[in-house]
Amino acid sequence: AANGYSTLAAGKLLHGYPHERTFE
């Protein structure tokens, strides 16, 4: 995201780190 990418996700990617604050 810091390098110009839009970020989006669904389901389980992370564990112990908040998805909502990680993906746009």
PDBML (XML) file of the C-alpha atoms, coordinates in Angstrom:
<?xml version="1.0" encoding="UTF-8" ?>
<PDBx:datablock datablockName="MODEL"
   xmlns:PDBx="http://pdbml.pdb.org/schema/pdbx-v50.xsd"
   xmlns:xsi="http://www.w3.org/2001/XMLSchema-instance"
   xsi:schemaLocation="http://pdbml.pdb.org/schema/pdbx-v50.xsd pdbx-v50.xsd">
   <PDBx:atom_siteCategory>
      <PDBx:atom_site id="1">
         <PDBx:B_iso_or_equiv>0.00</PDBx:B_iso_or_equiv>
         <PDBx:Cartn_x>0.000</PDBx:Cartn_x>
         <PDBx:Cartn_y>0.000</PDBx:Cartn_y>
         <PDBx:Cartn_z>0.000</PDBx:Cartn_z>
         <PDBx:auth_asym_id>A</PDBx:auth_asym_id>
         <PDBx:auth_atom_id>CA</PDBx:auth_atom_id>
         <PDBx:auth_comp_id>ALA</PDBx:auth_comp_id>
         <PDBx:auth_seq_id>1</PDBx:auth_seq_id>
         <PDBx:group_PDB>ATOM</PDBx:group_PDB>
         <PDBx:label_alt_id xsi:nil="true" />
         <PDBx:label_asym_id>A</PDBx:label_asym_id>
         <PDBx:label_atom_id>CA</PDBx:label_atom_id>
         <PDBx:label_comp_id>ALA</PDBx:label_comp_id>
         <PDBx:label_entity_id>1</PDBx:label_entity_id>
         <PDBx:label_seq_id>1</PDBx:label_seq_id>
         <PDBx:occupancy>1.00</PDBx:occupancy>
         <PDBx:pdbx_PDB_model_num>1</PDBx:pdbx_PDB_model_num>
         <PDBx:type_symbol>C</PDBx:type_symbol>
      </PDBx:atom_site>
      <PDBx:atom_site id="2">
         <PDBx:B_iso_or_equiv>0.00</PDBx:B_iso_or_equiv>
         <PDBx:Cartn_x>2.852</PDBx:Cartn_x>
         <PDBx:Cartn_y>2.392</PDBx:Cartn_y>
         <PDBx:Cartn_z>0.816</PDBx:Cartn_z>
         <PDBx:auth_asym_id>A</PDBx:auth_asym_id>
         <PDBx:auth_atom_id>CA</PDBx:auth_atom_id>
         <PDBx:auth_comp_id>ALA</PDBx:auth_comp_id>
         <PDBx:auth_seq_id>2</PDBx:auth_seq_id>
         <PDBx:group_PDB>ATOM</PDBx:group_PDB>
         <PDBx:label_alt_id xsi:nil="true" />
         <PDBx:label_asym_id>A</PDBx:label_asym_id>
         <PDBx:label_atom_id>CA</PDBx:label_atom_id>
         <PDBx:label_comp_id>ALA</PDBx:label_comp_id>
         <PDBx:label_entity_id>1</PDBx:label_entity_id>
         <PDBx:label_seq_id>2</PDBx:label_seq_id>
         <PDBx:occupancy>1.00</PDBx:occupancy>
         <PDBx:pdbx_PDB_model_num>1</PDBx:pdbx_PDB_model_num>
         <PDBx:type_symbol>C</PDBx:type_symbol>
      </PDBx:atom_site>
      <PDBx:atom_site id="3">
         <PDBx:B_iso_or_equiv>0.00</PDBx:B_iso_or_equiv>
         <PDBx:Cartn_x>4.197</PDBx:Cartn_x>
         <PDBx:Cartn_y>1.746</PDBx:Cartn_y>
         <PDBx:Cartn_z>-2.683</PDBx:Cartn_z>
         <PDBx:auth_asym_id>A</PDBx:auth_asym_id>
         <PDBx:auth_atom_id>CA</PDBx:auth_atom_id>
         <PDBx:auth_comp_id>ASN</PDBx:auth_comp_id>
         <PDBx:auth_seq_id>3</PDBx:auth_seq_id>
         <PDBx:group_PDB>ATOM</PDBx:group_PDB>
         <PDBx:label_alt_id xsi:nil="true" />
         <PDBx:label_asym_id>A</PDBx:label_asym_id>
         <PDBx:label_atom_id>CA</PDBx:label_atom_id>
         <PDBx:label_comp_id>ASN</PDBx:label_comp_id>
         <PDBx:label_entity_id>1</PDBx:label_entity_id>
         <PDBx:label_seq_id>3</PDBx:label_seq_id>
         <PDBx:occupancy>1.00</PDBx:occupancy>
         <PDBx:pdbx_PDB_model_num>1</PDBx:pdbx_PDB_model_num>
         <PDBx:type_symbol>C</PDBx:type_symbol>
      </PDBx:atom_site>
      <PDBx:atom_site id="4">
         <PDBx:B_iso_or_equiv>0.00</PDBx:B_iso_or_equiv>
         <PDBx:Cartn_x>1.026</PDBx:Cartn_x>
         <PDBx:Cartn_y>2.612</PDBx:Cartn_y>
         <PDBx:Cartn_z>-4.561</PDBx:Cartn_z>
         <PDBx:auth_asym_id>A</PDBx:auth_asym_id>
         <PDBx:auth_atom_id>CA</PDBx:auth_atom_id>
         <PDBx:auth_comp_id>GLY</PDBx:auth_comp_id>
         <PDBx:auth_seq_id>4</PDBx:auth_seq_id>
         <PDBx:group_PDB>ATOM</PDBx:group_PDB>
         <PDBx:label_alt_id xsi:nil="true" />
         <PDBx:label_asym_id>A</PDBx:label_asym_id>
         <PDBx:label_atom_id>CA</PDBx:label_atom_id>
         <PDBx:label_comp_id>GLY</PDBx:label_comp_id>
         <PDBx:label_entity_id>1</PDBx:label_entity_id>
         <PDBx:label_seq_id>4</PDBx:label_seq_id>
         <PDBx:occupancy>1.00</PDBx:occupancy>
         <PDBx:pdbx_PDB_model_num>1</PDBx:pdbx_PDB_model_num>
         <PDBx:type_symbol>C</PDBx:type_symbol>
      </PDBx:atom_site>
      <PDBx:atom_site id="5">
         <PDBx:B_iso_or_equiv>0.00</PDBx:B_iso_or_equiv>
         <PDBx:Cartn_x>-1.002</PDBx:Cartn_x>
         <PDBx:Cartn_y>-0.611</PDBx:Cartn_y>
         <PDBx:Cartn_z>-4.457</PDBx:Cartn_z>
         <PDBx:auth_asym_id>A</PDBx:auth_asym_id>
         <PDBx:auth_atom_id>CA</PDBx:auth_atom_id>
         <PDBx:auth_comp_id>TYR</PDBx:auth_comp_id>
         <PDBx:auth_seq_id>5</PDBx:auth_seq_id>
         <PDBx:group_PDB>ATOM</PDBx:group_PDB>
         <PDBx:label_alt_id xsi:nil="true" />
         <PDBx:label_asym_id>A</PDBx:label_asym_id>
         <PDBx:label_atom_id>CA</PDBx:label_atom_id>
         <PDBx:label_comp_id>TYR</PDBx:label_comp_id>
         <PDBx:label_entity_id>1</PDBx:label_entity_id>
         <PDBx:label_seq_id>5</PDBx:label_seq_id>
         <PDBx:occupancy>1.00</PDBx:occupancy>
         <PDBx:pdbx_PDB_model_num>1</PDBx:pdbx_PDB_model_num>
         <PDBx:type_symbol>C</PDBx:type_symbol>
      </PDBx:atom_site>
      <PDBx:atom_site id="6">
         <PDBx:B_iso_or_equiv>0.00</PDBx:B_iso_or_equiv>
         <PDBx:Cartn_x>-4.656</PDBx:Cartn_x>
         <PDBx:Cartn_y>-0.774</PDBx:Cartn_y>
         <PDBx:Cartn_z>-3.476</PDBx:Cartn_z>
         <PDBx:auth_asym_id>A</PDBx:auth_asym_id>
         <PDBx:auth_atom_id>CA</PDBx:auth_atom_id>
         <PDBx:auth_comp_id>SER</PDBx:auth_comp_id>
         <PDBx:auth_seq_id>6</PDBx:auth_seq_id>
         <PDBx:group_PDB>ATOM</PDBx:group_PDB>
         <PDBx:label_alt_id xsi:nil="true" />
         <PDBx:label_asym_id>A</PDBx:label_asym_id>
         <PDBx:label_atom_id>CA</PDBx:label_atom_id>
         <PDBx:label_comp_id>SER</PDBx:label_comp_id>
         <PDBx:label_entity_id>1</PDBx:label_entity_id>
         <PDBx:label_seq_id>6</PDBx:label_seq_id>
         <PDBx:occupancy>1.00</PDBx:occupancy>
         <PDBx:pdbx_PDB_model_num>1</PDBx:pdbx_PDB_model_num>
         <PDBx:type_symbol>C</PDBx:type_symbol>
      </PDBx:atom_site>
      <PDBx:atom_site id="7">
         <PDBx:B_iso_or_equiv>0.00</PDBx:B_iso_or_equiv>
         <PDBx:Cartn_x>-5.133</PDBx:Cartn_x>
         <PDBx:Cartn_y>-3.570</PDBx:Cartn_y>
         <PDBx:Cartn_z>-0.929</PDBx:Cartn_z>
         <PDBx:auth_asym_id>A</PDBx:auth_asym_id>
         <PDBx:auth_atom_id>CA</PDBx:auth_atom_id>
         <PDBx:auth_comp_id>THR</PDBx:auth_comp_id>
         <PDBx:auth_seq_id>7</PDBx:auth_seq_id>
         <PDBx:group_PDB>ATOM</PDBx:group_PDB>
         <PDBx:label_alt_id xsi:nil="true" />
         <PDBx:label_asym_id>A</PDBx:label_asym_id>
         <PDBx:label_atom_id>CA</PDBx:label_atom_id>
         <PDBx:label_comp_id>THR</PDBx:label_comp_id>
         <PDBx:label_entity_id>1</PDBx:label_entity_id>
         <PDBx:label_seq_id>7</PDBx:label_seq_id>
         <PDBx:occupancy>1.00</PDBx:occupancy>
         <PDBx:pdbx_PDB_model_num>1</PDBx:pdbx_PDB_model_num>
         <PDBx:type_symbol>C</PDBx:type_symbol>
      </PDBx:atom_site>
      <PDBx:atom_site id="8">
         <PDBx:B_iso_or_equiv>0.00</PDBx:B_iso_or_equiv>
         <PDBx:Cartn_x>-8.183</PDBx:Cartn_x>
         <PDBx:Cartn_y>-5.710</PDBx:Cartn_y>
         <PDBx:Cartn_z>-0.291</PDBx:Cartn_z>
         <PDBx:auth_asym_id>A</PDBx:auth_asym_id>
         <PDBx:auth_atom_id>CA</PDBx:auth_atom_id>
         <PDBx:auth_comp_id>LEU</PDBx:auth_comp_id>
         <PDBx:auth_seq_id>8</PDBx:auth_seq_id>
         <PDBx:group_PDB>ATOM</PDBx:group_PDB>
         <PDBx:label_alt_id xsi:nil="true" />
         <PDBx:label_asym_id>A</PDBx:label_asym_id>
         <PDBx:label_atom_id>CA</PDBx:label_atom_id>
         <PDBx:label_comp_id>LEU</PDBx:label_comp_id>
         <PDBx:label_entity_id>1</PDBx:label_entity_id>
         <PDBx:label_seq_id>8</PDBx:label_seq_id>
         <PDBx:occupancy>1.00</PDBx:occupancy>
         <PDBx:pdbx_PDB_model_num>1</PDBx:pdbx_PDB_model_num>
         <PDBx:type_symbol>C</PDBx:type_symbol>
      </PDBx:atom_site>
      <PDBx:atom_site id="9">
         <PDBx:B_iso_or_equiv>0.00</PDBx:B_iso_or_equiv>
         <PDBx:Cartn_x>-8.859</PDBx:Cartn_x>
         <PDBx:Cartn_y>-9.090</PDBx:Cartn_y>
         <PDBx:Cartn_z>1.258</PDBx:Cartn_z>
         <PDBx:auth_asym_id>A</PDBx:auth_asym_id>
         <PDBx:auth_atom_id>CA</PDBx:auth_atom_id>
         <PDBx:auth_comp_id>ALA</PDBx:auth_comp_id>
         <PDBx:auth_seq_id>9</PDBx:auth_seq_id>
         <PDBx:group_PDB>ATOM</PDBx:group_PDB>
         <PDBx:label_alt_id xsi:nil="true" />
         <PDBx:label_asym_id>A</PDBx:label_asym_id>
         <PDBx:label_atom_id>CA</PDBx:label_atom_id>
         <PDBx:label_comp_id>ALA</PDBx:label_comp_id>
         <PDBx:label_entity_id>1</PDBx:label_entity_id>
         <PDBx:label_seq_id>9</PDBx:label_seq_id>
         <PDBx:occupancy>1.00</PDBx:occupancy>
         <PDBx:pdbx_PDB_model_num>1</PDBx:pdbx_PDB_model_num>
         <PDBx:type_symbol>C</PDBx:type_symbol>
      </PDBx:atom_site>
      <PDBx:atom_site id="10">
         <PDBx:B_iso_or_equiv>0.00</PDBx:B_iso_or_equiv>
         <PDBx:Cartn_x>-11.448</PDBx:Cartn_x>
         <PDBx:Cartn_y>-11.539</PDBx:Cartn_y>
         <PDBx:Cartn_z>2.545</PDBx:Cartn_z>
         <PDBx:auth_asym_id>A</PDBx:auth_asym_id>
         <PDBx:auth_atom_id>CA</PDBx:auth_atom_id>
         <PDBx:auth_comp_id>ALA</PDBx:auth_comp_id>
         <PDBx:auth_seq_id>10</PDBx:auth_seq_id>
         <PDBx:group_PDB>ATOM</PDBx:group_PDB>
         <PDBx:label_alt_id xsi:nil="true" />
         <PDBx:label_asym_id>A</PDBx:label_asym_id>
         <PDBx:label_atom_id>CA</PDBx:label_atom_id>
         <PDBx:label_comp_id>ALA</PDBx:label_comp_id>
         <PDBx:label_entity_id>1</PDBx:label_entity_id>
         <PDBx:label_seq_id>10</PDBx:label_seq_id>
         <PDBx:occupancy>1.00</PDBx:occupancy>
         <PDBx:pdbx_PDB_model_num>1</PDBx:pdbx_PDB_model_num>
         <PDBx:type_symbol>C</PDBx:type_symbol>
      </PDBx:atom_site>
      <PDBx:atom_site id="11">
         <PDBx:B_iso_or_equiv>0.00</PDBx:B_iso_or_equiv>
         <PDBx:Cartn_x>-11.158</PDBx:Cartn_x>
         <PDBx:Cartn_y>-14.424</PDBx:Cartn_y>
         <PDBx:Cartn_z>4.987</PDBx:Cartn_z>
         <PDBx:auth_asym_id>A</PDBx:auth_asym_id>
         <PDBx:auth_atom_id>CA</PDBx:auth_atom_id>
         <PDBx:auth_comp_id>GLY</PDBx:auth_comp_id>
         <PDBx:auth_seq_id>11</PDBx:auth_seq_id>
         <PDBx:group_PDB>ATOM</PDBx:group_PDB>
         <PDBx:label_alt_id xsi:nil="true" />
         <PDBx:label_asym_id>A</PDBx:label_asym_id>
         <PDBx:label_atom_id>CA</PDBx:label_atom_id>
         <PDBx:label_comp_id>GLY</PDBx:label_comp_id>
         <PDBx:label_entity_id>1</PDBx:label_entity_id>
         <PDBx:label_seq_id>11</PDBx:label_seq_id>
         <PDBx:occupancy>1.00</PDBx:occupancy>
         <PDBx:pdbx_PDB_model_num>1</PDBx:pdbx_PDB_model_num>
         <PDBx:type_symbol>C</PDBx:type_symbol>
      </PDBx:atom_site>
      <PDBx:atom_site id="12">
         <PDBx:B_iso_or_equiv>0.00</PDBx:B_iso_or_equiv>
         <PDBx:Cartn_x>-8.135</PDBx:Cartn_x>
         <PDBx:Cartn_y>-15.438</PDBx:Cartn_y>
         <PDBx:Cartn_z>7.033</PDBx:Cartn_z>
         <PDBx:auth_asym_id>A</PDBx:auth_asym_id>
         <PDBx:auth_atom_id>CA</PDBx:auth_atom_id>
         <PDBx:auth_comp_id>LYS</PDBx:auth_comp_id>
         <PDBx:auth_seq_id>12</PDBx:auth_seq_id>
         <PDBx:group_PDB>ATOM</PDBx:group_PDB>
         <PDBx:label_alt_id xsi:nil="true" />
         <PDBx:label_asym_id>A</PDBx:label_asym_id>
         <PDBx:label_atom_id>CA</PDBx:label_atom_id>
         <PDBx:label_comp_id>LYS</PDBx:label_comp_id>
         <PDBx:label_entity_id>1</PDBx:label_entity_id>
         <PDBx:label_seq_id>12</PDBx:label_seq_id>
         <PDBx:occupancy>1.00</PDBx:occupancy>
         <PDBx:pdbx_PDB_model_num>1</PDBx:pdbx_PDB_model_num>
         <PDBx:type_symbol>C</PDBx:type_symbol>
      </PDBx:atom_site>
      <PDBx:atom_site id="13">
         <PDBx:B_iso_or_equiv>0.00</PDBx:B_iso_or_equiv>
         <PDBx:Cartn_x>-4.762</PDBx:Cartn_x>
         <PDBx:Cartn_y>-14.027</PDBx:Cartn_y>
         <PDBx:Cartn_z>6.017</PDBx:Cartn_z>
         <PDBx:auth_asym_id>A</PDBx:auth_asym_id>
         <PDBx:auth_atom_id>CA</PDBx:auth_atom_id>
         <PDBx:auth_comp_id>LEU</PDBx:auth_comp_id>
         <PDBx:auth_seq_id>13</PDBx:auth_seq_id>
         <PDBx:group_PDB>ATOM</PDBx:group_PDB>
         <PDBx:label_alt_id xsi:nil="true" />
         <PDBx:label_asym_id>A</PDBx:label_asym_id>
         <PDBx:label_atom_id>CA</PDBx:label_atom_id>
         <PDBx:label_comp_id>LEU</PDBx:label_comp_id>
         <PDBx:label_entity_id>1</PDBx:label_entity_id>
         <PDBx:label_seq_id>13</PDBx:label_seq_id>
         <PDBx:occupancy>1.00</PDBx:occupancy>
         <PDBx:pdbx_PDB_model_num>1</PDBx:pdbx_PDB_model_num>
         <PDBx:type_symbol>C</PDBx:type_symbol>
      </PDBx:atom_site>
      <PDBx:atom_site id="14">
         <PDBx:B_iso_or_equiv>0.00</PDBx:B_iso_or_equiv>
         <PDBx:Cartn_x>-3.331</PDBx:Cartn_x>
         <PDBx:Cartn_y>-12.759</PDBx:Cartn_y>
         <PDBx:Cartn_z>9.302</PDBx:Cartn_z>
         <PDBx:auth_asym_id>A</PDBx:auth_asym_id>
         <PDBx:auth_atom_id>CA</PDBx:auth_atom_id>
         <PDBx:auth_comp_id>LEU</PDBx:auth_comp_id>
         <PDBx:auth_seq_id>14</PDBx:auth_seq_id>
         <PDBx:group_PDB>ATOM</PDBx:group_PDB>
         <PDBx:label_alt_id xsi:nil="true" />
         <PDBx:label_asym_id>A</PDBx:label_asym_id>
         <PDBx:label_atom_id>CA</PDBx:label_atom_id>
         <PDBx:label_comp_id>LEU</PDBx:label_comp_id>
         <PDBx:label_entity_id>1</PDBx:label_entity_id>
         <PDBx:label_seq_id>14</PDBx:label_seq_id>
         <PDBx:occupancy>1.00</PDBx:occupancy>
         <PDBx:pdbx_PDB_model_num>1</PDBx:pdbx_PDB_model_num>
         <PDBx:type_symbol>C</PDBx:type_symbol>
      </PDBx:atom_site>
      <PDBx:atom_site id="15">
         <PDBx:B_iso_or_equiv>0.00</PDBx:B_iso_or_equiv>
         <PDBx:Cartn_x>-3.406</PDBx:Cartn_x>
         <PDBx:Cartn_y>-14.119</PDBx:Cartn_y>
         <PDBx:Cartn_z>12.848</PDBx:Cartn_z>
         <PDBx:auth_asym_id>A</PDBx:auth_asym_id>
         <PDBx:auth_atom_id>CA</PDBx:auth_atom_id>
         <PDBx:auth_comp_id>HIS</PDBx:auth_comp_id>
         <PDBx:auth_seq_id>15</PDBx:auth_seq_id>
         <PDBx:group_PDB>ATOM</PDBx:group_PDB>
         <PDBx:label_alt_id xsi:nil="true" />
         <PDBx:label_asym_id>A</PDBx:label_asym_id>
         <PDBx:label_atom_id>CA</PDBx:label_atom_id>
         <PDBx:label_comp_id>HIS</PDBx:label_comp_id>
         <PDBx:label_entity_id>1</PDBx:label_entity_id>
         <PDBx:label_seq_id>15</PDBx:label_seq_id>
         <PDBx:occupancy>1.00</PDBx:occupancy>
         <PDBx:pdbx_PDB_model_num>1</PDBx:pdbx_PDB_model_num>
         <PDBx:type_symbol>C</PDBx:type_symbol>
      </PDBx:atom_site>
      <PDBx:atom_site id="16">
         <PDBx:B_iso_or_equiv>0.00</PDBx:B_iso_or_equiv>
         <PDBx:Cartn_x>-2.896</PDBx:Cartn_x>
         <PDBx:Cartn_y>-11.788</PDBx:Cartn_y>
         <PDBx:Cartn_z>15.804</PDBx:Cartn_z>
         <PDBx:auth_asym_id>A</PDBx:auth_asym_id>
         <PDBx:auth_atom_id>CA</PDBx:auth_atom_id>
         <PDBx:auth_comp_id>GLY</PDBx:auth_comp_id>
         <PDBx:auth_seq_id>16</PDBx:auth_seq_id>
         <PDBx:group_PDB>ATOM</PDBx:group_PDB>
         <PDBx:label_alt_id xsi:nil="true" />
         <PDBx:label_asym_id>A</PDBx:label_asym_id>
         <PDBx:label_atom_id>CA</PDBx:label_atom_id>
         <PDBx:label_comp_id>GLY</PDBx:label_comp_id>
         <PDBx:label_entity_id>1</PDBx:label_entity_id>
         <PDBx:label_seq_id>16</PDBx:label_seq_id>
         <PDBx:occupancy>1.00</PDBx:occupancy>
         <PDBx:pdbx_PDB_model_num>1</PDBx:pdbx_PDB_model_num>
         <PDBx:type_symbol>C</PDBx:type_symbol>
      </PDBx:atom_site>
      <PDBx:atom_site id="17">
         <PDBx:B_iso_or_equiv>0.00</PDBx:B_iso_or_equiv>
         <PDBx:Cartn_x>-2.732</PDBx:Cartn_x>
         <PDBx:Cartn_y>-8.686</PDBx:Cartn_y>
         <PDBx:Cartn_z>13.593</PDBx:Cartn_z>
         <PDBx:auth_asym_id>A</PDBx:auth_asym_id>
         <PDBx:auth_atom_id>CA</PDBx:auth_atom_id>
         <PDBx:auth_comp_id>TYR</PDBx:auth_comp_id>
         <PDBx:auth_seq_id>17</PDBx:auth_seq_id>
         <PDBx:group_PDB>ATOM</PDBx:group_PDB>
         <PDBx:label_alt_id xsi:nil="true" />
         <PDBx:label_asym_id>A</PDBx:label_asym_id>
         <PDBx:label_atom_id>CA</PDBx:label_atom_id>
         <PDBx:label_comp_id>TYR</PDBx:label_comp_id>
         <PDBx:label_entity_id>1</PDBx:label_entity_id>
         <PDBx:label_seq_id>17</PDBx:label_seq_id>
         <PDBx:occupancy>1.00</PDBx:occupancy>
         <PDBx:pdbx_PDB_model_num>1</PDBx:pdbx_PDB_model_num>
         <PDBx:type_symbol>C</PDBx:type_symbol>
      </PDBx:atom_site>
      <PDBx:atom_site id="18">
         <PDBx:B_iso_or_equiv>0.00</PDBx:B_iso_or_equiv>
         <PDBx:Cartn_x>-5.977</PDBx:Cartn_x>
         <PDBx:Cartn_y>-6.876</PDBx:Cartn_y>
         <PDBx:Cartn_z>12.638</PDBx:Cartn_z>
         <PDBx:auth_asym_id>A</PDBx:auth_asym_id>
         <PDBx:auth_atom_id>CA</PDBx:auth_atom_id>
         <PDBx:auth_comp_id>PRO</PDBx:auth_comp_id>
         <PDBx:auth_seq_id>18</PDBx:auth_seq_id>
         <PDBx:group_PDB>ATOM</PDBx:group_PDB>
         <PDBx:label_alt_id xsi:nil="true" />
         <PDBx:label_asym_id>A</PDBx:label_asym_id>
         <PDBx:label_atom_id>CA</PDBx:label_atom_id>
         <PDBx:label_comp_id>PRO</PDBx:label_comp_id>
         <PDBx:label_entity_id>1</PDBx:label_entity_id>
         <PDBx:label_seq_id>18</PDBx:label_seq_id>
         <PDBx:occupancy>1.00</PDBx:occupancy>
         <PDBx:pdbx_PDB_model_num>1</PDBx:pdbx_PDB_model_num>
         <PDBx:type_symbol>C</PDBx:type_symbol>
      </PDBx:atom_site>
      <PDBx:atom_site id="19">
         <PDBx:B_iso_or_equiv>0.00</PDBx:B_iso_or_equiv>
         <PDBx:Cartn_x>-7.167</PDBx:Cartn_x>
         <PDBx:Cartn_y>-7.380</PDBx:Cartn_y>
         <PDBx:Cartn_z>9.071</PDBx:Cartn_z>
         <PDBx:auth_asym_id>A</PDBx:auth_asym_id>
         <PDBx:auth_atom_id>CA</PDBx:auth_atom_id>
         <PDBx:auth_comp_id>HIS</PDBx:auth_comp_id>
         <PDBx:auth_seq_id>19</PDBx:auth_seq_id>
         <PDBx:group_PDB>ATOM</PDBx:group_PDB>
         <PDBx:label_alt_id xsi:nil="true" />
         <PDBx:label_asym_id>A</PDBx:label_asym_id>
         <PDBx:label_atom_id>CA</PDBx:label_atom_id>
         <PDBx:label_comp_id>HIS</PDBx:label_comp_id>
         <PDBx:label_entity_id>1</PDBx:label_entity_id>
         <PDBx:label_seq_id>19</PDBx:label_seq_id>
         <PDBx:occupancy>1.00</PDBx:occupancy>
         <PDBx:pdbx_PDB_model_num>1</PDBx:pdbx_PDB_model_num>
         <PDBx:type_symbol>C</PDBx:type_symbol>
      </PDBx:atom_site>
      <PDBx:atom_site id="20">
         <PDBx:B_iso_or_equiv>0.00</PDBx:B_iso_or_equiv>
         <PDBx:Cartn_x>-9.321</PDBx:Cartn_x>
         <PDBx:Cartn_y>-4.251</PDBx:Cartn_y>
         <PDBx:Cartn_z>9.179</PDBx:Cartn_z>
         <PDBx:auth_asym_id>A</PDBx:auth_asym_id>
         <PDBx:auth_atom_id>CA</PDBx:auth_atom_id>
         <PDBx:auth_comp_id>GLU</PDBx:auth_comp_id>
         <PDBx:auth_seq_id>20</PDBx:auth_seq_id>
         <PDBx:group_PDB>ATOM</PDBx:group_PDB>
         <PDBx:label_alt_id xsi:nil="true" />
         <PDBx:label_asym_id>A</PDBx:label_asym_id>
         <PDBx:label_atom_id>CA</PDBx:label_atom_id>
         <PDBx:label_comp_id>GLU</PDBx:label_comp_id>
         <PDBx:label_entity_id>1</PDBx:label_entity_id>
         <PDBx:label_seq_id>20</PDBx:label_seq_id>
         <PDBx:occupancy>1.00</PDBx:occupancy>
         <PDBx:pdbx_PDB_model_num>1</PDBx:pdbx_PDB_model_num>
         <PDBx:type_symbol>C</PDBx:type_symbol>
      </PDBx:atom_site>
      <PDBx:atom_site id="21">
         <PDBx:B_iso_or_equiv>0.00</PDBx:B_iso_or_equiv>
         <PDBx:Cartn_x>-6.305</PDBx:Cartn_x>
         <PDBx:Cartn_y>-2.042</PDBx:Cartn_y>
         <PDBx:Cartn_z>9.945</PDBx:Cartn_z>
         <PDBx:auth_asym_id>A</PDBx:auth_asym_id>
         <PDBx:auth_atom_id>CA</PDBx:auth_atom_id>
         <PDBx:auth_comp_id>ARG</PDBx:auth_comp_id>
         <PDBx:auth_seq_id>21</PDBx:auth_seq_id>
         <PDBx:group_PDB>ATOM</PDBx:group_PDB>
         <PDBx:label_alt_id xsi:nil="true" />
         <PDBx:label_asym_id>A</PDBx:label_asym_id>
         <PDBx:label_atom_id>CA</PDBx:label_atom_id>
         <PDBx:label_comp_id>ARG</PDBx:label_comp_id>
         <PDBx:label_entity_id>1</PDBx:label_entity_id>
         <PDBx:label_seq_id>21</PDBx:label_seq_id>
         <PDBx:occupancy>1.00</PDBx:occupancy>
         <PDBx:pdbx_PDB_model_num>1</PDBx:pdbx_PDB_model_num>
         <PDBx:type_symbol>C</PDBx:type_symbol>
      </PDBx:atom_site>
      <PDBx:atom_site id="22">
         <PDBx:B_iso_or_equiv>0.00</PDBx:B_iso_or_equiv>
         <PDBx:Cartn_x>-4.038</PDBx:Cartn_x>
         <PDBx:Cartn_y>-3.800</PDBx:Cartn_y>
         <PDBx:Cartn_z>7.455</PDBx:Cartn_z>
         <PDBx:auth_asym_id>A</PDBx:auth_asym_id>
         <PDBx:auth_atom_id>CA</PDBx:auth_atom_id>
         <PDBx:auth_comp_id>THR</PDBx:auth_comp_id>
         <PDBx:auth_seq_id>22</PDBx:auth_seq_id>
         <PDBx:group_PDB>ATOM</PDBx:group_PDB>
         <PDBx:label_alt_id xsi:nil="true" />
         <PDBx:label_asym_id>A</PDBx:label_asym_id>
         <PDBx:label_atom_id>CA</PDBx:label_atom_id>
         <PDBx:label_comp_id>THR</PDBx:label_comp_id>
         <PDBx:label_entity_id>1</PDBx:label_entity_id>
         <PDBx:label_seq_id>22</PDBx:label_seq_id>
         <PDBx:occupancy>1.00</PDBx:occupancy>
         <PDBx:pdbx_PDB_model_num>1</PDBx:pdbx_PDB_model_num>
         <PDBx:type_symbol>C</PDBx:type_symbol>
      </PDBx:atom_site>
      <PDBx:atom_site id="23">
         <PDBx:B_iso_or_equiv>0.00</PDBx:B_iso_or_equiv>
         <PDBx:Cartn_x>-6.093</PDBx:Cartn_x>
         <PDBx:Cartn_y>-3.830</PDBx:Cartn_y>
         <PDBx:Cartn_z>4.264</PDBx:Cartn_z>
         <PDBx:auth_asym_id>A</PDBx:auth_asym_id>
         <PDBx:auth_atom_id>CA</PDBx:auth_atom_id>
         <PDBx:auth_comp_id>PHE</PDBx:auth_comp_id>
         <PDBx:auth_seq_id>23</PDBx:auth_seq_id>
         <PDBx:group_PDB>ATOM</PDBx:group_PDB>
         <PDBx:label_alt_id xsi:nil="true" />
         <PDBx:label_asym_id>A</PDBx:label_asym_id>
         <PDBx:label_atom_id>CA</PDBx:label_atom_id>
         <PDBx:label_comp_id>PHE</PDBx:label_comp_id>
         <PDBx:label_entity_id>1</PDBx:label_entity_id>
         <PDBx:label_seq_id>23</PDBx:label_seq_id>
         <PDBx:occupancy>1.00</PDBx:occupancy>
         <PDBx:pdbx_PDB_model_num>1</PDBx:pdbx_PDB_model_num>
         <PDBx:type_symbol>C</PDBx:type_symbol>
      </PDBx:atom_site>
      <PDBx:atom_site id="24">
         <PDBx:B_iso_or_equiv>0.00</PDBx:B_iso_or_equiv>
         <PDBx:Cartn_x>-7.847</PDBx:Cartn_x>
         <PDBx:Cartn_y>-0.820</PDBx:Cartn_y>
         <PDBx:Cartn_z>2.793</PDBx:Cartn_z>
         <PDBx:auth_asym_id>A</PDBx:auth_asym_id>
         <PDBx:auth_atom_id>CA</PDBx:auth_atom_id>
         <PDBx:auth_comp_id>GLU</PDBx:auth_comp_id>
         <PDBx:auth_seq_id>24</PDBx:auth_seq_id>
         <PDBx:group_PDB>ATOM</PDBx:group_PDB>
         <PDBx:label_alt_id xsi:nil="true" />
         <PDBx:label_asym_id>A</PDBx:label_asym_id>
         <PDBx:label_atom_id>CA</PDBx:label_atom_id>
         <PDBx:label_comp_id>GLU</PDBx:label_comp_id>
         <PDBx:label_entity_id>1</PDBx:label_entity_id>
         <PDBx:label_seq_id>24</PDBx:label_seq_id>
         <PDBx:occupancy>1.00</PDBx:occupancy>
         <PDBx:pdbx_PDB_model_num>1</PDBx:pdbx_PDB_model_num>
         <PDBx:type_symbol>C</PDBx:type_symbol>
      </PDBx:atom_site>
   </PDBx:atom_siteCategory>
</PDBx:datablock>
